[in-house]
Amino acid sequence: MAFEIKFGTDGWRGVIAEDYTFENVRRAAQGVATYYAERQRARERGMVIGYDHRFASEHFAAAAAEVLAANDIPVLLTEIGTPTPVISYAAIANKTAGAIN
């Protein structure tokens, strides 16, 4: 069963295995892929995906990366937990269409 994904002023906050699930991460990533592919030339510029050190965050990031890649959007996926400012910098430095963190 799909839950409504609620975003606040600082993004999506959820409880793992309740509303923050792989299914919902993939749904959110598909929304991002659709939006950026239509408006930000993401298929040419790609996107950065990063994660932090919270439980299973690298797996959630990989799931989001798979969705973007399935939409022909190149992905730069961090190899380790990375602070948000570094991900923002990576998006600017690599001139990508945006980032997911």
PDB file of N, CA and C in Angstrom:
ATOM      1  N   MET A   1       0.839  -1.183   0.000  1.00  0.00           N
ATOM      2  CA  MET A   1       0.000   0.000   0.000  1.00  0.00           C
ATOM      3  C   MET A   1       0.880   1.241   0.000  1.00  0.00           C
ATOM      4  N   ALA A   2       0.632   2.147  -0.893  1.00  0.00           N
ATOM      5  CA  ALA A   2       1.417   3.372  -0.997  1.00  0.00           C
ATOM      6  C   ALA A   2       0.880   4.431  -0.040  1.00  0.00           C
ATOM      7  N   PHE A   3       1.783   5.007   0.708  1.00  0.00           N
ATOM      8  CA  PHE A   3       1.427   6.092   1.614  1.00  0.00           C
ATOM      9  C   PHE A   3       1.618   7.421   0.908  1.00  0.00           C
ATOM     10  N   GLU A   4       0.904   8.419   1.383  1.00  0.00           N
ATOM     11  CA  GLU A   4       1.125   9.773   0.894  1.00  0.00           C
ATOM     12  C   GLU A   4       2.487  10.229   1.400  1.00  0.00           C
ATOM     13  N   ILE A   5       3.291  10.761   0.504  1.00  0.00           N
ATOM     14  CA  ILE A   5       4.604  11.266   0.875  1.00  0.00           C
ATOM     15  C   ILE A   5       4.449  12.750   1.179  1.00  0.00           C
ATOM     16  N   LYS A   6       4.813  13.139   2.390  1.00  0.00           N
ATOM     17  CA  LYS A   6       4.652  14.533   2.807  1.00  0.00           C
ATOM     18  C   LYS A   6       6.017  15.199   2.919  1.00  0.00           C
ATOM     19  N   PHE A   7       6.139  16.341   2.252  1.00  0.00           N
ATOM     20  CA  PHE A   7       7.375  17.106   2.290  1.00  0.00           C
ATOM     21  C   PHE A   7       7.181  18.338   3.152  1.00  0.00           C
ATOM     22  N   GLY A   8       8.185  18.663   3.944  1.00  0.00           N
ATOM     23  CA  GLY A   8       8.167  19.875   4.753  1.00  0.00           C
ATOM     24  C   GLY A   8       9.191  20.862   4.233  1.00  0.00           C
ATOM     25  N   THR A   9       9.531  21.828   5.053  1.00  0.00           N
ATOM     26  CA  THR A   9      10.480  22.860   4.628  1.00  0.00           C
ATOM     27  C   THR A   9      11.886  22.322   4.447  1.00  0.00           C
ATOM     28  N   ASP A  10      12.179  21.164   5.008  1.00  0.00           N
ATOM     29  CA  ASP A  10      13.511  20.587   4.888  1.00  0.00           C
ATOM     30  C   ASP A  10      13.459  19.209   4.237  1.00  0.00           C
ATOM     31  N   GLY A  11      12.505  19.024   3.337  1.00  0.00           N
ATOM     32  CA  GLY A  11      12.433  17.769   2.605  1.00  0.00           C
ATOM     33  C   GLY A  11      11.459  16.774   3.196  1.00  0.00           C
ATOM     34  N   TRP A  12      11.671  15.523   2.853  1.00  0.00           N
ATOM     35  CA  TRP A  12      10.789  14.441   3.273  1.00  0.00           C
ATOM     36  C   TRP A  12      11.335  13.841   4.566  1.00  0.00           C
ATOM     37  N   ARG A  13      10.522  13.844   5.571  1.00  0.00           N
ATOM     38  CA  ARG A  13      10.879  13.209   6.837  1.00  0.00           C
ATOM     39  C   ARG A  13       9.931  12.040   7.038  1.00  0.00           C
ATOM     40  N   GLY A  14      10.479  10.886   7.333  1.00  0.00           N
ATOM     41  CA  GLY A  14       9.625   9.731   7.525  1.00  0.00           C
ATOM     42  C   GLY A  14      10.255   8.729   8.464  1.00  0.00           C
ATOM     43  N   VAL A  15       9.498   7.707   8.778  1.00  0.00           N
ATOM     44  CA  VAL A  15       9.955   6.626   9.642  1.00  0.00           C
ATOM     45  C   VAL A  15      10.258   5.419   8.761  1.00  0.00           C
ATOM     46  N   ILE A  16      11.480   4.900   8.879  1.00  0.00           N
ATOM     47  CA  ILE A  16      11.885   3.754   8.071  1.00  0.00           C
ATOM     48  C   ILE A  16      10.928   2.590   8.317  1.00  0.00           C
ATOM     49  N   ALA A  17      10.511   1.980   7.225  1.00  0.00           N
ATOM     50  CA  ALA A  17       9.617   0.817   7.180  1.00  0.00           C
ATOM     51  C   ALA A  17       8.154   1.180   7.402  1.00  0.00           C
ATOM     52  N   GLU A  18       7.859   2.436   7.747  1.00  0.00           N
ATOM     53  CA  GLU A  18       6.462   2.873   7.821  1.00  0.00           C
ATOM     54  C   GLU A  18       6.127   3.638   6.542  1.00  0.00           C
ATOM     55  N   ASP A  19       6.575   4.865   6.449  1.00  0.00           N
ATOM     56  CA  ASP A  19       6.339   5.625   5.221  1.00  0.00           C
ATOM     57  C   ASP A  19       7.623   5.804   4.416  1.00  0.00           C
ATOM     58  N   TYR A  20       8.765   5.667   5.052  1.00  0.00           N
ATOM     59  CA  TYR A  20      10.037   5.746   4.336  1.00  0.00           C
ATOM     60  C   TYR A  20      10.438   4.326   3.966  1.00  0.00           C
ATOM     61  N   THR A  21       9.972   3.901   2.794  1.00  0.00           N
ATOM     62  CA  THR A  21      10.198   2.541   2.307  1.00  0.00           C
ATOM     63  C   THR A  21      10.868   2.611   0.941  1.00  0.00           C
ATOM     64  N   PHE A  22      11.384   1.485   0.483  1.00  0.00           N
ATOM     65  CA  PHE A  22      11.981   1.464  -0.849  1.00  0.00           C
ATOM     66  C   PHE A  22      10.947   1.821  -1.909  1.00  0.00           C
ATOM     67  N   GLU A  23       9.727   1.338  -1.742  1.00  0.00           N
ATOM     68  CA  GLU A  23       8.670   1.670  -2.705  1.00  0.00           C
ATOM     69  C   GLU A  23       8.455   3.182  -2.771  1.00  0.00           C
ATOM     70  N   ASN A  24       8.367   3.830  -1.626  1.00  0.00           N
ATOM     71  CA  ASN A  24       8.130   5.272  -1.624  1.00  0.00           C
ATOM     72  C   ASN A  24       9.352   6.064  -2.073  1.00  0.00           C
ATOM     73  N   VAL A  25      10.552   5.571  -1.767  1.00  0.00           N
ATOM     74  CA  VAL A  25      11.761   6.227  -2.283  1.00  0.00           C
ATOM     75  C   VAL A  25      11.749   6.170  -3.804  1.00  0.00           C
ATOM     76  N   ARG A  26      11.377   5.030  -4.344  1.00  0.00           N
ATOM     77  CA  ARG A  26      11.316   4.908  -5.811  1.00  0.00           C
ATOM     78  C   ARG A  26      10.235   5.810  -6.403  1.00  0.00           C
ATOM     79  N   ARG A  27       9.103   5.924  -5.717  1.00  0.00           N
ATOM     80  CA  ARG A  27       8.039   6.833  -6.187  1.00  0.00           C
ATOM     81  C   ARG A  27       8.534   8.277  -6.193  1.00  0.00           C
ATOM     82  N   ALA A  28       9.185   8.685  -5.121  1.00  0.00           N
ATOM     83  CA  ALA A  28       9.701  10.055  -5.042  1.00  0.00           C
ATOM     84  C   ALA A  28      10.776  10.284  -6.101  1.00  0.00           C
ATOM     85  N   ALA A  29      11.659   9.306  -6.278  1.00  0.00           N
ATOM     86  CA  ALA A  29      12.714   9.433  -7.284  1.00  0.00           C
ATOM     87  C   ALA A  29      12.125   9.527  -8.687  1.00  0.00           C
ATOM     88  N   GLN A  30      11.049   8.793  -8.949  1.00  0.00           N
ATOM     89  CA  GLN A  30      10.403   8.892 -10.262  1.00  0.00           C
ATOM     90  C   GLN A  30       9.833  10.287 -10.469  1.00  0.00           C
ATOM     91  N   GLY A  31       9.260  10.859  -9.435  1.00  0.00           N
ATOM     92  CA  GLY A  31       8.767  12.234  -9.533  1.00  0.00           C
ATOM     93  C   GLY A  31       9.882  13.213  -9.839  1.00  0.00           C
ATOM     94  N   VAL A  32      11.016  13.044  -9.176  1.00  0.00           N
ATOM     95  CA  VAL A  32      12.179  13.902  -9.432  1.00  0.00           C
ATOM     96  C   VAL A  32      12.661  13.701 -10.862  1.00  0.00           C
ATOM     97  N   ALA A  33      12.755  12.452 -11.290  1.00  0.00           N
ATOM     98  CA  ALA A  33      13.222  12.154 -12.649  1.00  0.00           C
ATOM     99  C   ALA A  33      12.319  12.789 -13.692  1.00  0.00           C
ATOM    100  N   THR A  34      11.030  12.673 -13.514  1.00  0.00           N
ATOM    101  CA  THR A  34      10.077  13.252 -14.466  1.00  0.00           C
ATOM    102  C   THR A  34      10.210  14.766 -14.509  1.00  0.00           C
ATOM    103  N   TYR A  35      10.254  15.378 -13.339  1.00  0.00           N
ATOM    104  CA  TYR A  35      10.352  16.841 -13.265  1.00  0.00           C
ATOM    105  C   TYR A  35      11.643  17.342 -13.916  1.00  0.00           C
ATOM    106  N   TYR A  36      12.775  16.790 -13.511  1.00  0.00           N
ATOM    107  CA  TYR A  36      14.049  17.287 -14.023  1.00  0.00           C
ATOM    108  C   TYR A  36      14.266  16.950 -15.488  1.00  0.00           C
ATOM    109  N   ALA A  37      13.789  15.805 -15.928  1.00  0.00           N
ATOM    110  CA  ALA A  37      13.951  15.447 -17.339  1.00  0.00           C
ATOM    111  C   ALA A  37      13.209  16.424 -18.238  1.00  0.00           C
ATOM    112  N   GLU A  38      12.066  16.909 -17.778  1.00  0.00           N
ATOM    113  CA  GLU A  38      11.270  17.839 -18.580  1.00  0.00           C
ATOM    114  C   GLU A  38      11.787  19.268 -18.518  1.00  0.00           C
ATOM    115  N   ARG A  39      12.394  19.671 -17.407  1.00  0.00           N
ATOM    116  CA  ARG A  39      12.672  21.083 -17.191  1.00  0.00           C
ATOM    117  C   ARG A  39      14.144  21.462 -17.066  1.00  0.00           C
ATOM    118  N   GLN A  40      14.995  20.561 -16.713  1.00  0.00           N
ATOM    119  CA  GLN A  40      16.363  20.937 -16.375  1.00  0.00           C
ATOM    120  C   GLN A  40      17.440  20.219 -17.201  1.00  0.00           C
ATOM    121  N   ARG A  41      17.073  19.655 -18.300  1.00  0.00           N
ATOM    122  CA  ARG A  41      18.035  18.959 -19.148  1.00  0.00           C
ATOM    123  C   ARG A  41      18.835  17.896 -18.379  1.00  0.00           C
ATOM    124  N   ALA A  42      18.168  17.191 -17.501  1.00  0.00           N
ATOM    125  CA  ALA A  42      18.853  16.209 -16.658  1.00  0.00           C
ATOM    126  C   ALA A  42      19.473  15.079 -17.467  1.00  0.00           C
ATOM    127  N   ARG A  43      18.889  14.756 -18.596  1.00  0.00           N
ATOM    128  CA  ARG A  43      19.449  13.655 -19.396  1.00  0.00           C
ATOM    129  C   ARG A  43      20.808  14.022 -19.977  1.00  0.00           C
ATOM    130  N   GLU A  44      21.061  15.312 -20.162  1.00  0.00           N
ATOM    131  CA  GLU A  44      22.376  15.737 -20.642  1.00  0.00           C
ATOM    132  C   GLU A  44      23.324  16.014 -19.478  1.00  0.00           C
ATOM    133  N   ARG A  45      22.799  16.588 -18.405  1.00  0.00           N
ATOM    134  CA  ARG A  45      23.647  17.080 -17.321  1.00  0.00           C
ATOM    135  C   ARG A  45      23.791  16.116 -16.152  1.00  0.00           C
ATOM    136  N   GLY A  46      22.870  15.180 -16.008  1.00  0.00           N
ATOM    137  CA  GLY A  46      22.933  14.233 -14.905  1.00  0.00           C
ATOM    138  C   GLY A  46      22.540  14.850 -13.571  1.00  0.00           C
ATOM    139  N   MET A  47      22.588  14.030 -12.539  1.00  0.00           N
ATOM    140  CA  MET A  47      22.253  14.465 -11.180  1.00  0.00           C
ATOM    141  C   MET A  47      23.179  13.786 -10.180  1.00  0.00           C
ATOM    142  N   VAL A  48      23.375  14.443  -9.052  1.00  0.00           N
ATOM    143  CA  VAL A  48      24.153  13.884  -7.945  1.00  0.00           C
ATOM    144  C   VAL A  48      23.178  13.256  -6.952  1.00  0.00           C
ATOM    145  N   ILE A  49      23.522  12.082  -6.445  1.00  0.00           N
ATOM    146  CA  ILE A  49      22.751  11.467  -5.366  1.00  0.00           C
ATOM    147  C   ILE A  49      23.720  11.149  -4.239  1.00  0.00           C
ATOM    148  N   GLY A  50      23.374  11.634  -3.059  1.00  0.00           N
ATOM    149  CA  GLY A  50      24.206  11.382  -1.888  1.00  0.00           C
ATOM    150  C   GLY A  50      23.371  10.847  -0.746  1.00  0.00           C
ATOM    151  N   TYR A  51      24.043  10.475   0.310  1.00  0.00           N
ATOM    152  CA  TYR A  51      23.363   9.936   1.482  1.00  0.00           C
ATOM    153  C   TYR A  51      24.200  10.233   2.717  1.00  0.00           C
ATOM    154  N   ASP A  52      23.605  10.010   3.879  1.00  0.00           N
ATOM    155  CA  ASP A  52      24.305  10.250   5.134  1.00  0.00           C
ATOM    156  C   ASP A  52      24.610   8.912   5.808  1.00  0.00           C
ATOM    157  N   HIS A  53      24.840   8.950   7.109  1.00  0.00           N
ATOM    158  CA  HIS A  53      25.233   7.734   7.818  1.00  0.00           C
ATOM    159  C   HIS A  53      24.084   7.050   8.544  1.00  0.00           C
ATOM    160  N   ARG A  54      22.862   7.460   8.253  1.00  0.00           N
ATOM    161  CA  ARG A  54      21.733   6.799   8.900  1.00  0.00           C
ATOM    162  C   ARG A  54      21.528   5.390   8.343  1.00  0.00           C
ATOM    163  N   PHE A  55      20.796   4.591   9.093  1.00  0.00           N
ATOM    164  CA  PHE A  55      20.569   3.189   8.769  1.00  0.00           C
ATOM    165  C   PHE A  55      20.079   3.008   7.335  1.00  0.00           C
ATOM    166  N   ALA A  56      20.788   2.210   6.566  1.00  0.00           N
ATOM    167  CA  ALA A  56      20.420   1.792   5.205  1.00  0.00           C
ATOM    168  C   ALA A  56      20.343   2.934   4.201  1.00  0.00           C
ATOM    169  N   SER A  57      20.865   4.103   4.547  1.00  0.00           N
ATOM    170  CA  SER A  57      20.729   5.232   3.618  1.00  0.00           C
ATOM    171  C   SER A  57      21.425   4.978   2.286  1.00  0.00           C
ATOM    172  N   GLU A  58      22.530   4.228   2.302  1.00  0.00           N
ATOM    173  CA  GLU A  58      23.205   3.935   1.041  1.00  0.00           C
ATOM    174  C   GLU A  58      22.327   3.076   0.132  1.00  0.00           C
ATOM    175  N   HIS A  59      21.501   2.227   0.715  1.00  0.00           N
ATOM    176  CA  HIS A  59      20.603   1.383  -0.081  1.00  0.00           C
ATOM    177  C   HIS A  59      19.438   2.196  -0.652  1.00  0.00           C
ATOM    178  N   PHE A  60      18.934   3.141   0.141  1.00  0.00           N
ATOM    179  CA  PHE A  60      17.882   4.023  -0.362  1.00  0.00           C
ATOM    180  C   PHE A  60      18.424   4.904  -1.490  1.00  0.00           C
ATOM    181  N   ALA A  61      19.657   5.395  -1.338  1.00  0.00           N
ATOM    182  CA  ALA A  61      20.273   6.212  -2.392  1.00  0.00           C
ATOM    183  C   ALA A  61      20.459   5.392  -3.664  1.00  0.00           C
ATOM    184  N   ALA A  62      20.880   4.147  -3.514  1.00  0.00           N
ATOM    185  CA  ALA A  62      21.052   3.277  -4.683  1.00  0.00           C
ATOM    186  C   ALA A  62      19.720   3.035  -5.381  1.00  0.00           C
ATOM    187  N   ALA A  63      18.647   2.881  -4.616  1.00  0.00           N
ATOM    188  CA  ALA A  63      17.322   2.695  -5.221  1.00  0.00           C
ATOM    189  C   ALA A  63      16.924   3.930  -6.021  1.00  0.00           C
ATOM    190  N   ALA A  64      17.186   5.109  -5.483  1.00  0.00           N
ATOM    191  CA  ALA A  64      16.886   6.348  -6.211  1.00  0.00           C
ATOM    192  C   ALA A  64      17.738   6.445  -7.471  1.00  0.00           C
ATOM    193  N   ALA A  65      19.008   6.057  -7.368  1.00  0.00           N
ATOM    194  CA  ALA A  65      19.903   6.095  -8.530  1.00  0.00           C
ATOM    195  C   ALA A  65      19.415   5.160  -9.631  1.00  0.00           C
ATOM    196  N   GLU A  66      18.916   4.005  -9.257  1.00  0.00           N
ATOM    197  CA  GLU A  66      18.391   3.055 -10.246  1.00  0.00           C
ATOM    198  C   GLU A  66      17.210   3.648 -11.006  1.00  0.00           C
ATOM    199  N   VAL A  67      16.346   4.357 -10.298  1.00  0.00           N
ATOM    200  CA  VAL A  67      15.185   4.979 -10.948  1.00  0.00           C
ATOM    201  C   VAL A  67      15.639   6.051 -11.929  1.00  0.00           C
ATOM    202  N   LEU A  68      16.564   6.907 -11.507  1.00  0.00           N
ATOM    203  CA  LEU A  68      17.039   7.950 -12.415  1.00  0.00           C
ATOM    204  C   LEU A  68      17.718   7.334 -13.634  1.00  0.00           C
ATOM    205  N   ALA A  69      18.555   6.323 -13.406  1.00  0.00           N
ATOM    206  CA  ALA A  69      19.235   5.658 -14.516  1.00  0.00           C
ATOM    207  C   ALA A  69      18.234   5.018 -15.472  1.00  0.00           C
ATOM    208  N   ALA A  70      17.154   4.464 -14.949  1.00  0.00           N
ATOM    209  CA  ALA A  70      16.115   3.873 -15.800  1.00  0.00           C
ATOM    210  C   ALA A  70      15.409   4.927 -16.639  1.00  0.00           C
ATOM    211  N   ASN A  71      15.512   6.183 -16.225  1.00  0.00           N
ATOM    212  CA  ASN A  71      14.945   7.305 -16.975  1.00  0.00           C
ATOM    213  C   ASN A  71      16.002   7.996 -17.830  1.00  0.00           C
ATOM    214  N   ASP A  72      17.118   7.313 -18.068  1.00  0.00           N
ATOM    215  CA  ASP A  72      18.223   7.818 -18.890  1.00  0.00           C
ATOM    216  C   ASP A  72      18.849   9.089 -18.335  1.00  0.00           C
ATOM    217  N   ILE A  73      18.866   9.214 -17.015  1.00  0.00           N
ATOM    218  CA  ILE A  73      19.513  10.347 -16.364  1.00  0.00           C
ATOM    219  C   ILE A  73      20.816   9.838 -15.749  1.00  0.00           C
ATOM    220  N   PRO A  74      21.962  10.352 -16.201  1.00  0.00           N
ATOM    221  CA  PRO A  74      23.233   9.936 -15.606  1.00  0.00           C
ATOM    222  C   PRO A  74      23.286  10.325 -14.125  1.00  0.00           C
ATOM    223  N   VAL A  75      23.880   9.467 -13.318  1.00  0.00           N
ATOM    224  CA  VAL A  75      23.919   9.689 -11.870  1.00  0.00           C
ATOM    225  C   VAL A  75      25.358   9.667 -11.365  1.00  0.00           C
ATOM    226  N   LEU A  76      25.684  10.644 -10.547  1.00  0.00           N
ATOM    227  CA  LEU A  76      26.914  10.631  -9.768  1.00  0.00           C
ATOM    228  C   LEU A  76      26.496  10.265  -8.343  1.00  0.00           C
ATOM    229  N   LEU A  77      26.771   9.043  -7.924  1.00  0.00           N
ATOM    230  CA  LEU A  77      26.365   8.541  -6.614  1.00  0.00           C
ATOM    231  C   LEU A  77      27.569   8.568  -5.682  1.00  0.00           C
ATOM    232  N   THR A  78      27.420   9.213  -4.523  1.00  0.00           N
ATOM    233  CA  THR A  78      28.540   9.256  -3.586  1.00  0.00           C
ATOM    234  C   THR A  78      28.884   7.840  -3.130  1.00  0.00           C
ATOM    235  N   GLU A  79      30.146   7.639  -2.794  1.00  0.00           N
ATOM    236  CA  GLU A  79      30.613   6.318  -2.394  1.00  0.00           C
ATOM    237  C   GLU A  79      30.563   6.105  -0.887  1.00  0.00           C
ATOM    238  N   ILE A  80      30.431   7.203  -0.141  1.00  0.00           N
ATOM    239  CA  ILE A  80      30.355   7.137   1.319  1.00  0.00           C
ATOM    240  C   ILE A  80      29.325   8.152   1.794  1.00  0.00           C
ATOM    241  N   GLY A  81      28.953   8.062   3.072  1.00  0.00           N
ATOM    242  CA  GLY A  81      28.076   9.069   3.643  1.00  0.00           C
ATOM    243  C   GLY A  81      28.703  10.448   3.475  1.00  0.00           C
ATOM    244  N   THR A  82      27.909  11.392   3.008  1.00  0.00           N
ATOM    245  CA  THR A  82      28.433  12.695   2.606  1.00  0.00           C
ATOM    246  C   THR A  82      27.573  13.817   3.167  1.00  0.00           C
ATOM    247  N   PRO A  83      28.184  14.855   3.755  1.00  0.00           N
ATOM    248  CA  PRO A  83      27.402  15.986   4.262  1.00  0.00           C
ATOM    249  C   PRO A  83      26.649  16.712   3.143  1.00  0.00           C
ATOM    250  N   THR A  84      25.487  17.222   3.466  1.00  0.00           N
ATOM    251  CA  THR A  84      24.651  17.925   2.489  1.00  0.00           C
ATOM    252  C   THR A  84      25.398  19.031   1.751  1.00  0.00           C
ATOM    253  N   PRO A  85      26.191  19.884   2.420  1.00  0.00           N
ATOM    254  CA  PRO A  85      26.892  20.935   1.670  1.00  0.00           C
ATOM    255  C   PRO A  85      27.842  20.386   0.603  1.00  0.00           C
ATOM    256  N   VAL A  86      28.422  19.224   0.843  1.00  0.00           N
ATOM    257  CA  VAL A  86      29.317  18.614  -0.145  1.00  0.00           C
ATOM    258  C   VAL A  86      28.517  18.149  -1.359  1.00  0.00           C
ATOM    259  N   ILE A  87      27.342  17.624  -1.124  1.00  0.00           N
ATOM    260  CA  ILE A  87      26.489  17.191  -2.230  1.00  0.00           C
ATOM    261  C   ILE A  87      26.042  18.399  -3.048  1.00  0.00           C
ATOM    262  N   SER A  88      25.688  19.478  -2.374  1.00  0.00           N
ATOM    263  CA  SER A  88      25.321  20.718  -3.077  1.00  0.00           C
ATOM    264  C   SER A  88      26.488  21.218  -3.910  1.00  0.00           C
ATOM    265  N   TYR A  89      27.679  21.211  -3.332  1.00  0.00           N
ATOM    266  CA  TYR A  89      28.867  21.650  -4.062  1.00  0.00           C
ATOM    267  C   TYR A  89      29.119  20.748  -5.269  1.00  0.00           C
ATOM    268  N   ALA A  90      28.969  19.442  -5.090  1.00  0.00           N
ATOM    269  CA  ALA A  90      29.195  18.506  -6.195  1.00  0.00           C
ATOM    270  C   ALA A  90      28.243  18.782  -7.350  1.00  0.00           C
ATOM    271  N   ALA A  91      26.995  19.116  -7.041  1.00  0.00           N
ATOM    272  CA  ALA A  91      26.025  19.422  -8.100  1.00  0.00           C
ATOM    273  C   ALA A  91      26.450  20.662  -8.875  1.00  0.00           C
ATOM    274  N   ILE A  92      26.919  21.679  -8.159  1.00  0.00           N
ATOM    275  CA  ILE A  92      27.354  22.916  -8.821  1.00  0.00           C
ATOM    276  C   ILE A  92      28.654  22.689  -9.583  1.00  0.00           C
ATOM    277  N   ALA A  93      29.629  22.064  -8.941  1.00  0.00           N
ATOM    278  CA  ALA A  93      30.935  21.852  -9.563  1.00  0.00           C
ATOM    279  C   ALA A  93      30.849  20.982 -10.810  1.00  0.00           C
ATOM    280  N   ASN A  94      29.941  20.012 -10.799  1.00  0.00           N
ATOM    281  CA  ASN A  94      29.781  19.121 -11.951  1.00  0.00           C
ATOM    282  C   ASN A  94      28.729  19.606 -12.935  1.00  0.00           C
ATOM    283  N   LYS A  95      28.132  20.772 -12.630  1.00  0.00           N
ATOM    284  CA  LYS A  95      27.120  21.393 -13.499  1.00  0.00           C
ATOM    285  C   LYS A  95      25.970  20.436 -13.808  1.00  0.00           C
ATOM    286  N   THR A  96      25.537  19.701 -12.775  1.00  0.00           N
ATOM    287  CA  THR A  96      24.420  18.787 -12.966  1.00  0.00           C
ATOM    288  C   THR A  96      23.100  19.545 -12.893  1.00  0.00           C
ATOM    289  N   ALA A  97      22.039  18.872 -13.245  1.00  0.00           N
ATOM    290  CA  ALA A  97      20.707  19.485 -13.190  1.00  0.00           C
ATOM    291  C   ALA A  97      20.230  19.651 -11.759  1.00  0.00           C
ATOM    292  N   GLY A  98      20.757  18.847 -10.831  1.00  0.00           N
ATOM    293  CA  GLY A  98      20.329  18.935  -9.443  1.00  0.00           C
ATOM    294  C   GLY A  98      20.902  17.795  -8.631  1.00  0.00           C
ATOM    295  N   ALA A  99      20.330  17.608  -7.445  1.00  0.00           N
ATOM    296  CA  ALA A  99      20.827  16.574  -6.542  1.00  0.00           C
ATOM    297  C   ALA A  99      19.692  16.020  -5.695  1.00  0.00           C
ATOM    298  N   ILE A 100      19.885  14.802  -5.239  1.00  0.00           N
ATOM    299  CA  ILE A 100      19.009  14.167  -4.256  1.00  0.00           C
ATOM    300  C   ILE A 100      19.890  13.800  -3.077  1.00  0.00           C
ATOM    301  N   ASN A 101      19.417  14.115  -1.889  1.00  0.00           N
ATOM    302  CA  ASN A 101      20.193  13.806  -0.692  1.00  0.00           C
ATOM    303  C   ASN A 101      19.271  13.269   0.369  1.00  0.00           C
TER     304      ASN A 101
END
